[in-house]
Amino acid sequence: MGGALLAVSIIVIIVYAWLVFFSPWKALVIEATAFIGVAAVFGILAWIGYALATTPPPKPIEEIEKEIQEELNKLEKETKEGEGAKQ
């Protein structure tokens, strides 16, 4: 698998170099490459922006601390009840 990936990558580099430097379509190839690069960068930025806009904010620390304290109190109560049943 790694060898195939290496071979395909080298072939793509050679074909791209020929298209950019020796083909009659070099202007079109450069324009297409620039467009794809810019579209990829701003597509990723748009994806990050969408994720930030649609992700709900986390709970406040105070609320999390309150939930933890309630769970600790519940566990302490259960522990005390369990010890009382043993005696």
PDB file of N, CA and C in Angstrom:
ATOM      1  N   MET A   1       0.829  -1.191   0.000  1.00  0.00           N
ATOM      2  CA  MET A   1       0.000   0.000   0.000  1.00  0.00           C
ATOM      3  C   MET A   1       0.872   1.253   0.000  1.00  0.00           C
ATOM      4  N   GLY A   2       1.900   1.265   0.832  1.00  0.00           N
ATOM      5  CA  GLY A   2       2.788   2.421   0.893  1.00  0.00           C
ATOM      6  C   GLY A   2       3.542   2.630  -0.410  1.00  0.00           C
ATOM      7  N   GLY A   3       3.955   1.535  -1.032  1.00  0.00           N
ATOM      8  CA  GLY A   3       4.665   1.636  -2.308  1.00  0.00           C
ATOM      9  C   GLY A   3       3.776   2.192  -3.407  1.00  0.00           C
ATOM     10  N   ALA A   4       2.517   1.770  -3.416  1.00  0.00           N
ATOM     11  CA  ALA A   4       1.571   2.282  -4.410  1.00  0.00           C
ATOM     12  C   ALA A   4       1.322   3.771  -4.199  1.00  0.00           C
ATOM     13  N   LEU A   5       1.197   4.167  -2.953  1.00  0.00           N
ATOM     14  CA  LEU A   5       0.987   5.582  -2.644  1.00  0.00           C
ATOM     15  C   LEU A   5       2.191   6.412  -3.087  1.00  0.00           C
ATOM     16  N   LEU A   6       3.387   5.902  -2.851  1.00  0.00           N
ATOM     17  CA  LEU A   6       4.609   6.578  -3.284  1.00  0.00           C
ATOM     18  C   LEU A   6       4.648   6.698  -4.805  1.00  0.00           C
ATOM     19  N   ALA A   7       4.360   5.609  -5.502  1.00  0.00           N
ATOM     20  CA  ALA A   7       4.407   5.613  -6.968  1.00  0.00           C
ATOM     21  C   ALA A   7       3.378   6.575  -7.556  1.00  0.00           C
ATOM     22  N   VAL A   8       2.165   6.545  -7.052  1.00  0.00           N
ATOM     23  CA  VAL A   8       1.120   7.446  -7.553  1.00  0.00           C
ATOM     24  C   VAL A   8       1.503   8.894  -7.292  1.00  0.00           C
ATOM     25  N   SER A   9       2.061   9.179  -6.127  1.00  0.00           N
ATOM     26  CA  SER A   9       2.470  10.547  -5.802  1.00  0.00           C
ATOM     27  C   SER A   9       3.545  11.043  -6.759  1.00  0.00           C
ATOM     28  N   ILE A  10       4.525  10.219  -7.046  1.00  0.00           N
ATOM     29  CA  ILE A  10       5.596  10.612  -7.965  1.00  0.00           C
ATOM     30  C   ILE A  10       5.043  10.830  -9.371  1.00  0.00           C
ATOM     31  N   ILE A  11       4.141   9.968  -9.808  1.00  0.00           N
ATOM     32  CA  ILE A  11       3.528  10.124 -11.132  1.00  0.00           C
ATOM     33  C   ILE A  11       2.736  11.424 -11.207  1.00  0.00           C
ATOM     34  N   VAL A  12       1.974  11.733 -10.168  1.00  0.00           N
ATOM     35  CA  VAL A  12       1.194  12.976 -10.151  1.00  0.00           C
ATOM     36  C   VAL A  12       2.127  14.184 -10.186  1.00  0.00           C
ATOM     37  N   ILE A  13       3.223  14.150  -9.454  1.00  0.00           N
ATOM     38  CA  ILE A  13       4.186  15.259  -9.470  1.00  0.00           C
ATOM     39  C   ILE A  13       4.759  15.447 -10.872  1.00  0.00           C
ATOM     40  N   ILE A  14       5.126  14.367 -11.525  1.00  0.00           N
ATOM     41  CA  ILE A  14       5.702  14.452 -12.871  1.00  0.00           C
ATOM     42  C   ILE A  14       4.676  14.989 -13.864  1.00  0.00           C
ATOM     43  N   VAL A  15       3.458  14.469 -13.822  1.00  0.00           N
ATOM     44  CA  VAL A  15       2.406  14.939 -14.731  1.00  0.00           C
ATOM     45  C   VAL A  15       2.096  16.407 -14.468  1.00  0.00           C
ATOM     46  N   TYR A  16       2.011  16.788 -13.211  1.00  0.00           N
ATOM     47  CA  TYR A  16       1.721  18.183 -12.877  1.00  0.00           C
ATOM     48  C   TYR A  16       2.851  19.096 -13.360  1.00  0.00           C
ATOM     49  N   ALA A  17       4.092  18.684 -13.164  1.00  0.00           N
ATOM     50  CA  ALA A  17       5.226  19.484 -13.639  1.00  0.00           C
ATOM     51  C   ALA A  17       5.164  19.648 -15.155  1.00  0.00           C
ATOM     52  N   TRP A  18       4.846  18.589 -15.874  1.00  0.00           N
ATOM     53  CA  TRP A  18       4.725  18.689 -17.329  1.00  0.00           C
ATOM     54  C   TRP A  18       3.595  19.641 -17.708  1.00  0.00           C
ATOM     55  N   LEU A  19       2.451  19.522 -17.025  1.00  0.00           N
ATOM     56  CA  LEU A  19       1.315  20.398 -17.332  1.00  0.00           C
ATOM     57  C   LEU A  19       1.642  21.867 -17.072  1.00  0.00           C
ATOM     58  N   VAL A  20       2.376  22.147 -16.002  1.00  0.00           N
ATOM     59  CA  VAL A  20       2.675  23.537 -15.645  1.00  0.00           C
ATOM     60  C   VAL A  20       3.761  24.127 -16.552  1.00  0.00           C
ATOM     61  N   PHE A  21       4.786  23.346 -16.892  1.00  0.00           N
ATOM     62  CA  PHE A  21       5.934  23.919 -17.591  1.00  0.00           C
ATOM     63  C   PHE A  21       5.958  23.675 -19.101  1.00  0.00           C
ATOM     64  N   PHE A  22       5.336  22.617 -19.585  1.00  0.00           N
ATOM     65  CA  PHE A  22       5.512  22.273 -21.001  1.00  0.00           C
ATOM     66  C   PHE A  22       4.218  22.176 -21.799  1.00  0.00           C
ATOM     67  N   SER A  23       3.084  22.130 -21.175  1.00  0.00           N
ATOM     68  CA  SER A  23       1.844  21.935 -21.927  1.00  0.00           C
ATOM     69  C   SER A  23       1.306  23.263 -22.450  1.00  0.00           C
ATOM     70  N   PRO A  24       0.487  23.203 -23.479  1.00  0.00           N
ATOM     71  CA  PRO A  24      -0.133  24.433 -23.987  1.00  0.00           C
ATOM     72  C   PRO A  24      -1.221  24.967 -23.042  1.00  0.00           C
ATOM     73  N   TRP A  25      -1.600  24.190 -22.042  1.00  0.00           N
ATOM     74  CA  TRP A  25      -2.657  24.606 -21.105  1.00  0.00           C
ATOM     75  C   TRP A  25      -2.089  25.093 -19.778  1.00  0.00           C
ATOM     76  N   LYS A  26      -0.832  25.523 -19.773  1.00  0.00           N
ATOM     77  CA  LYS A  26      -0.191  25.865 -18.500  1.00  0.00           C
ATOM     78  C   LYS A  26      -0.929  26.967 -17.746  1.00  0.00           C
ATOM     79  N   ALA A  27      -1.463  27.974 -18.425  1.00  0.00           N
ATOM     80  CA  ALA A  27      -2.190  29.046 -17.729  1.00  0.00           C
ATOM     81  C   ALA A  27      -3.441  28.481 -17.052  1.00  0.00           C
ATOM     82  N   LEU A  28      -4.148  27.625 -17.765  1.00  0.00           N
ATOM     83  CA  LEU A  28      -5.357  27.017 -17.197  1.00  0.00           C
ATOM     84  C   LEU A  28      -5.014  26.128 -16.002  1.00  0.00           C
ATOM     85  N   VAL A  29      -3.929  25.381 -16.089  1.00  0.00           N
ATOM     86  CA  VAL A  29      -3.517  24.500 -14.993  1.00  0.00           C
ATOM     87  C   VAL A  29      -3.157  25.323 -13.757  1.00  0.00           C
ATOM     88  N   ILE A  30      -2.422  26.410 -13.946  1.00  0.00           N
ATOM     89  CA  ILE A  30      -2.041  27.259 -12.811  1.00  0.00           C
ATOM     90  C   ILE A  30      -3.276  27.908 -12.195  1.00  0.00           C
ATOM     91  N   GLU A  31      -4.192  28.395 -13.045  1.00  0.00           N
ATOM     92  CA  GLU A  31      -5.423  29.006 -12.525  1.00  0.00           C
ATOM     93  C   GLU A  31      -6.262  27.987 -11.754  1.00  0.00           C
ATOM     94  N   ALA A  32      -6.388  26.783 -12.299  1.00  0.00           N
ATOM     95  CA  ALA A  32      -7.176  25.745 -11.625  1.00  0.00           C
ATOM     96  C   ALA A  32      -6.534  25.364 -10.293  1.00  0.00           C
ATOM     97  N   THR A  33      -5.207  25.259 -10.282  1.00  0.00           N
ATOM     98  CA  THR A  33      -4.497  24.923  -9.048  1.00  0.00           C
ATOM     99  C   THR A  33      -4.695  26.003  -7.993  1.00  0.00           C
ATOM    100  N   ALA A  34      -4.571  27.261  -8.401  1.00  0.00           N
ATOM    101  CA  ALA A  34      -4.765  28.366  -7.457  1.00  0.00           C
ATOM    102  C   ALA A  34      -6.196  28.366  -6.920  1.00  0.00           C
ATOM    103  N   PHE A  35      -7.166  28.156  -7.807  1.00  0.00           N
ATOM    104  CA  PHE A  35      -8.563  28.132  -7.364  1.00  0.00           C
ATOM    105  C   PHE A  35      -8.805  26.997  -6.378  1.00  0.00           C
ATOM    106  N   ILE A  36      -8.306  25.822  -6.683  1.00  0.00           N
ATOM    107  CA  ILE A  36      -8.508  24.670  -5.793  1.00  0.00           C
ATOM    108  C   ILE A  36      -7.854  24.923  -4.437  1.00  0.00           C
ATOM    109  N   GLY A  37      -6.660  25.507  -4.440  1.00  0.00           N
ATOM    110  CA  GLY A  37      -5.980  25.806  -3.172  1.00  0.00           C
ATOM    111  C   GLY A  37      -6.747  26.808  -2.329  1.00  0.00           C
ATOM    112  N   VAL A  38      -7.188  27.900  -2.954  1.00  0.00           N
ATOM    113  CA  VAL A  38      -7.945  28.922  -2.218  1.00  0.00           C
ATOM    114  C   VAL A  38      -9.275  28.353  -1.742  1.00  0.00           C
ATOM    115  N   ALA A  39      -9.954  27.594  -2.600  1.00  0.00           N
ATOM    116  CA  ALA A  39     -11.236  26.995  -2.217  1.00  0.00           C
ATOM    117  C   ALA A  39     -11.056  26.017  -1.054  1.00  0.00           C
ATOM    118  N   ALA A  40      -9.961  25.263  -1.051  1.00  0.00           N
ATOM    119  CA  ALA A  40      -9.713  24.319   0.042  1.00  0.00           C
ATOM    120  C   ALA A  40      -9.483  25.051   1.357  1.00  0.00           C
ATOM    121  N   VAL A  41      -8.663  26.106   1.336  1.00  0.00           N
ATOM    122  CA  VAL A  41      -8.373  26.855   2.565  1.00  0.00           C
ATOM    123  C   VAL A  41      -9.646  27.482   3.120  1.00  0.00           C
ATOM    124  N   PHE A  42     -10.397  28.172   2.260  1.00  0.00           N
ATOM    125  CA  PHE A  42     -11.592  28.840   2.757  1.00  0.00           C
ATOM    126  C   PHE A  42     -12.734  27.864   3.029  1.00  0.00           C
ATOM    127  N   GLY A  43     -12.719  26.717   2.371  1.00  0.00           N
ATOM    128  CA  GLY A  43     -13.683  25.673   2.711  1.00  0.00           C
ATOM    129  C   GLY A  43     -13.448  25.147   4.120  1.00  0.00           C
ATOM    130  N   ILE A  44     -12.187  24.954   4.482  1.00  0.00           N
ATOM    131  CA  ILE A  44     -11.845  24.514   5.840  1.00  0.00           C
ATOM    132  C   ILE A  44     -12.216  25.585   6.854  1.00  0.00           C
ATOM    133  N   LEU A  45     -11.935  26.859   6.530  1.00  0.00           N
ATOM    134  CA  LEU A  45     -12.327  27.950   7.435  1.00  0.00           C
ATOM    135  C   LEU A  45     -13.841  28.010   7.611  1.00  0.00           C
ATOM    136  N   ALA A  46     -14.584  27.795   6.524  1.00  0.00           N
ATOM    137  CA  ALA A  46     -16.046  27.789   6.615  1.00  0.00           C
ATOM    138  C   ALA A  46     -16.522  26.645   7.502  1.00  0.00           C
ATOM    139  N   TRP A  47     -15.898  25.485   7.376  1.00  0.00           N
ATOM    140  CA  TRP A  47     -16.258  24.331   8.194  1.00  0.00           C
ATOM    141  C   TRP A  47     -16.001  24.629   9.670  1.00  0.00           C
ATOM    142  N   ILE A  48     -14.867  25.235   9.977  1.00  0.00           N
ATOM    143  CA  ILE A  48     -14.556  25.601  11.360  1.00  0.00           C
ATOM    144  C   ILE A  48     -15.573  26.613  11.876  1.00  0.00           C
ATOM    145  N   GLY A  49     -15.904  27.610  11.053  1.00  0.00           N
ATOM    146  CA  GLY A  49     -16.900  28.604  11.454  1.00  0.00           C
ATOM    147  C   GLY A  49     -18.255  27.980  11.710  1.00  0.00           C
ATOM    148  N   TYR A  50     -18.663  27.049  10.853  1.00  0.00           N
ATOM    149  CA  TYR A  50     -19.938  26.358  11.044  1.00  0.00           C
ATOM    150  C   TYR A  50     -19.926  25.568  12.349  1.00  0.00           C
ATOM    151  N   ALA A  51     -18.826  24.873  12.605  1.00  0.00           N
ATOM    152  CA  ALA A  51     -18.727  24.086  13.840  1.00  0.00           C
ATOM    153  C   ALA A  51     -18.801  24.990  15.066  1.00  0.00           C
ATOM    154  N   LEU A  52     -18.132  26.140  15.015  1.00  0.00           N
ATOM    155  CA  LEU A  52     -18.181  27.075  16.142  1.00  0.00           C
ATOM    156  C   LEU A  52     -19.579  27.655  16.320  1.00  0.00           C
ATOM    157  N   ALA A  53     -20.262  27.923  15.212  1.00  0.00           N
ATOM    158  CA  ALA A  53     -21.583  28.547  15.288  1.00  0.00           C
ATOM    159  C   ALA A  53     -22.660  27.579  15.763  1.00  0.00           C
ATOM    160  N   THR A  54     -22.524  26.300  15.469  1.00  0.00           N
ATOM    161  CA  THR A  54     -23.587  25.346  15.787  1.00  0.00           C
ATOM    162  C   THR A  54     -23.325  24.512  17.032  1.00  0.00           C
ATOM    163  N   THR A  55     -22.142  24.596  17.607  1.00  0.00           N
ATOM    164  CA  THR A  55     -21.829  23.840  18.818  1.00  0.00           C
ATOM    165  C   THR A  55     -22.363  24.598  20.030  1.00  0.00           C
ATOM    166  N   PRO A  56     -23.166  23.943  20.866  1.00  0.00           N
ATOM    167  CA  PRO A  56     -23.684  24.646  22.044  1.00  0.00           C
ATOM    168  C   PRO A  56     -22.558  24.967  23.027  1.00  0.00           C
ATOM    169  N   PRO A  57     -22.704  26.063  23.750  1.00  0.00           N
ATOM    170  CA  PRO A  57     -21.654  26.415  24.714  1.00  0.00           C
ATOM    171  C   PRO A  57     -21.618  25.409  25.862  1.00  0.00           C
ATOM    172  N   PRO A  58     -20.465  25.237  26.480  1.00  0.00           N
ATOM    173  CA  PRO A  58     -20.373  24.299  27.608  1.00  0.00           C
ATOM    174  C   PRO A  58     -21.111  24.844  28.825  1.00  0.00           C
ATOM    175  N   LYS A  59     -21.411  23.936  29.756  1.00  0.00           N
ATOM    176  CA  LYS A  59     -22.063  24.349  30.999  1.00  0.00           C
ATOM    177  C   LYS A  59     -21.113  25.229  31.807  1.00  0.00           C
ATOM    178  N   PRO A  60     -21.672  26.161  32.562  1.00  0.00           N
ATOM    179  CA  PRO A  60     -20.807  26.952  33.450  1.00  0.00           C
ATOM    180  C   PRO A  60     -20.179  26.053  34.518  1.00  0.00           C
ATOM    181  N   ILE A  61     -19.008  26.423  34.969  1.00  0.00           N
ATOM    182  CA  ILE A  61     -18.277  25.648  35.978  1.00  0.00           C
ATOM    183  C   ILE A  61     -19.114  25.490  37.246  1.00  0.00           C
ATOM    184  N   GLU A  62     -19.834  26.546  37.624  1.00  0.00           N
ATOM    185  CA  GLU A  62     -20.636  26.486  38.852  1.00  0.00           C
ATOM    186  C   GLU A  62     -21.680  25.374  38.764  1.00  0.00           C
ATOM    187  N   GLU A  63     -22.296  25.225  37.594  1.00  0.00           N
ATOM    188  CA  GLU A  63     -23.316  24.186  37.429  1.00  0.00           C
ATOM    189  C   GLU A  63     -22.694  22.793  37.516  1.00  0.00           C
ATOM    190  N   ILE A  64     -21.526  22.628  36.918  1.00  0.00           N
ATOM    191  CA  ILE A  64     -20.835  21.338  36.976  1.00  0.00           C
ATOM    192  C   ILE A  64     -20.433  21.024  38.415  1.00  0.00           C
ATOM    193  N   GLU A  65     -19.908  22.026  39.132  1.00  0.00           N
ATOM    194  CA  GLU A  65     -19.530  21.813  40.532  1.00  0.00           C
ATOM    195  C   GLU A  65     -20.744  21.436  41.367  1.00  0.00           C
ATOM    196  N   LYS A  66     -21.887  22.063  41.101  1.00  0.00           N
ATOM    197  CA  LYS A  66     -23.111  21.752  41.838  1.00  0.00           C
ATOM    198  C   LYS A  66     -23.527  20.304  41.594  1.00  0.00           C
ATOM    199  N   GLU A  67     -23.470  19.863  40.330  1.00  0.00           N
ATOM    200  CA  GLU A  67     -23.829  18.478  40.009  1.00  0.00           C
ATOM    201  C   GLU A  67     -22.885  17.495  40.704  1.00  0.00           C
ATOM    202  N   ILE A  68     -21.605  17.801  40.709  1.00  0.00           N
ATOM    203  CA  ILE A  68     -20.630  16.922  41.367  1.00  0.00           C
ATOM    204  C   ILE A  68     -20.907  16.855  42.862  1.00  0.00           C
ATOM    205  N   GLN A  69     -21.188  17.997  43.471  1.00  0.00           N
ATOM    206  CA  GLN A  69     -21.474  18.025  44.904  1.00  0.00           C
ATOM    207  C   GLN A  69     -22.726  17.216  45.221  1.00  0.00           C
ATOM    208  N   GLU A  70     -23.761  17.331  44.372  1.00  0.00           N
ATOM    209  CA  GLU A  70     -24.983  16.546  44.580  1.00  0.00           C
ATOM    210  C   GLU A  70     -24.686  15.052  44.503  1.00  0.00           C
ATOM    211  N   GLU A  71     -23.857  14.646  43.543  1.00  0.00           N
ATOM    212  CA  GLU A  71     -23.500  13.233  43.422  1.00  0.00           C
ATOM    213  C   GLU A  71     -22.698  12.762  44.634  1.00  0.00           C
ATOM    214  N   LEU A  72     -21.776  13.590  45.105  1.00  0.00           N
ATOM    215  CA  LEU A  72     -21.003  13.226  46.298  1.00  0.00           C
ATOM    216  C   LEU A  72     -21.907  13.074  47.517  1.00  0.00           C
ATOM    217  N   ASN A  73     -22.844  14.003  47.683  1.00  0.00           N
ATOM    218  CA  ASN A  73     -23.783  13.908  48.804  1.00  0.00           C
ATOM    219  C   ASN A  73     -24.621  12.640  48.704  1.00  0.00           C
ATOM    220  N   LYS A  74     -25.048  12.308  47.496  1.00  0.00           N
ATOM    221  CA  LYS A  74     -25.848  11.099  47.279  1.00  0.00           C
ATOM    222  C   LYS A  74     -25.030   9.851  47.639  1.00  0.00           C
ATOM    223  N   LEU A  75     -23.759   9.822  47.198  1.00  0.00           N
ATOM    224  CA  LEU A  75     -22.902   8.676  47.514  1.00  0.00           C
ATOM    225  C   LEU A  75     -22.639   8.568  49.013  1.00  0.00           C
ATOM    226  N   GLU A  76     -22.415   9.700  49.670  1.00  0.00           N
ATOM    227  CA  GLU A  76     -22.199   9.680  51.121  1.00  0.00           C
ATOM    228  C   GLU A  76     -23.432   9.156  51.842  1.00  0.00           C
ATOM    229  N   LYS A  77     -24.601   9.571  51.389  1.00  0.00           N
ATOM    230  CA  LYS A  77     -25.848   9.116  52.002  1.00  0.00           C
ATOM    231  C   LYS A  77     -26.003   7.605  51.830  1.00  0.00           C
ATOM    232  N   GLU A  78     -25.722   7.112  50.608  1.00  0.00           N
ATOM    233  CA  GLU A  78     -25.828   5.676  50.354  1.00  0.00           C
ATOM    234  C   GLU A  78     -24.815   4.903  51.196  1.00  0.00           C
ATOM    235  N   THR A  79     -23.618   5.447  51.353  1.00  0.00           N
ATOM    236  CA  THR A  79     -22.587   4.788  52.155  1.00  0.00           C
ATOM    237  C   THR A  79     -23.015   4.696  53.613  1.00  0.00           C
ATOM    238  N   LYS A  80     -23.563   5.782  54.141  1.00  0.00           N
ATOM    239  CA  LYS A  80     -24.019   5.785  55.534  1.00  0.00           C
ATOM    240  C   LYS A  80     -25.172   4.813  55.733  1.00  0.00           C
ATOM    241  N   GLU A  81     -26.093   4.747  54.765  1.00  0.00           N
ATOM    242  CA  GLU A  81     -27.211   3.807  54.867  1.00  0.00           C
ATOM    243  C   GLU A  81     -26.706   2.374  54.815  1.00  0.00           C
ATOM    244  N   GLY A  82     -25.693   2.120  53.978  1.00  0.00           N
ATOM    245  CA  GLY A  82     -25.121   0.775  53.871  1.00  0.00           C
ATOM    246  C   GLY A  82     -24.420   0.359  55.150  1.00  0.00           C
ATOM    247  N   GLU A  83     -23.730   1.282  55.808  1.00  0.00           N
ATOM    248  CA  GLU A  83     -23.056   0.980  57.066  1.00  0.00           C
ATOM    249  C   GLU A  83     -24.073   0.743  58.175  1.00  0.00           C
ATOM    250  N   GLY A  84     -25.177   1.483  58.154  1.00  0.00           N
ATOM    251  CA  GLY A  84     -26.218   1.315  59.172  1.00  0.00           C
ATOM    252  C   GLY A  84     -26.905  -0.031  59.042  1.00  0.00           C
ATOM    253  N   ALA A  85     -27.035  -0.554  57.843  1.00  0.00           N
ATOM    254  CA  ALA A  85     -27.688  -1.842  57.630  1.00  0.00           C
ATOM    255  C   ALA A  85     -26.796  -2.990  58.098  1.00  0.00           C
ATOM    256  N   LYS A  86     -25.474  -2.815  58.067  1.00  0.00           N
ATOM    257  CA  LYS A  86     -24.552  -3.867  58.490  1.00  0.00           C
ATOM    258  C   LYS A  86     -24.563  -4.047  60.000  1.00  0.00           C
ATOM    259  N   GLN A  87     -24.836  -2.999  60.733  1.00  0.00           N
ATOM    260  CA  GLN A  87     -24.762  -3.077  62.197  1.00  0.00           C
ATOM    261  C   GLN A  87     -25.980  -3.681  62.805  1.00  0.00           C
TER     262      GLN A  87
END
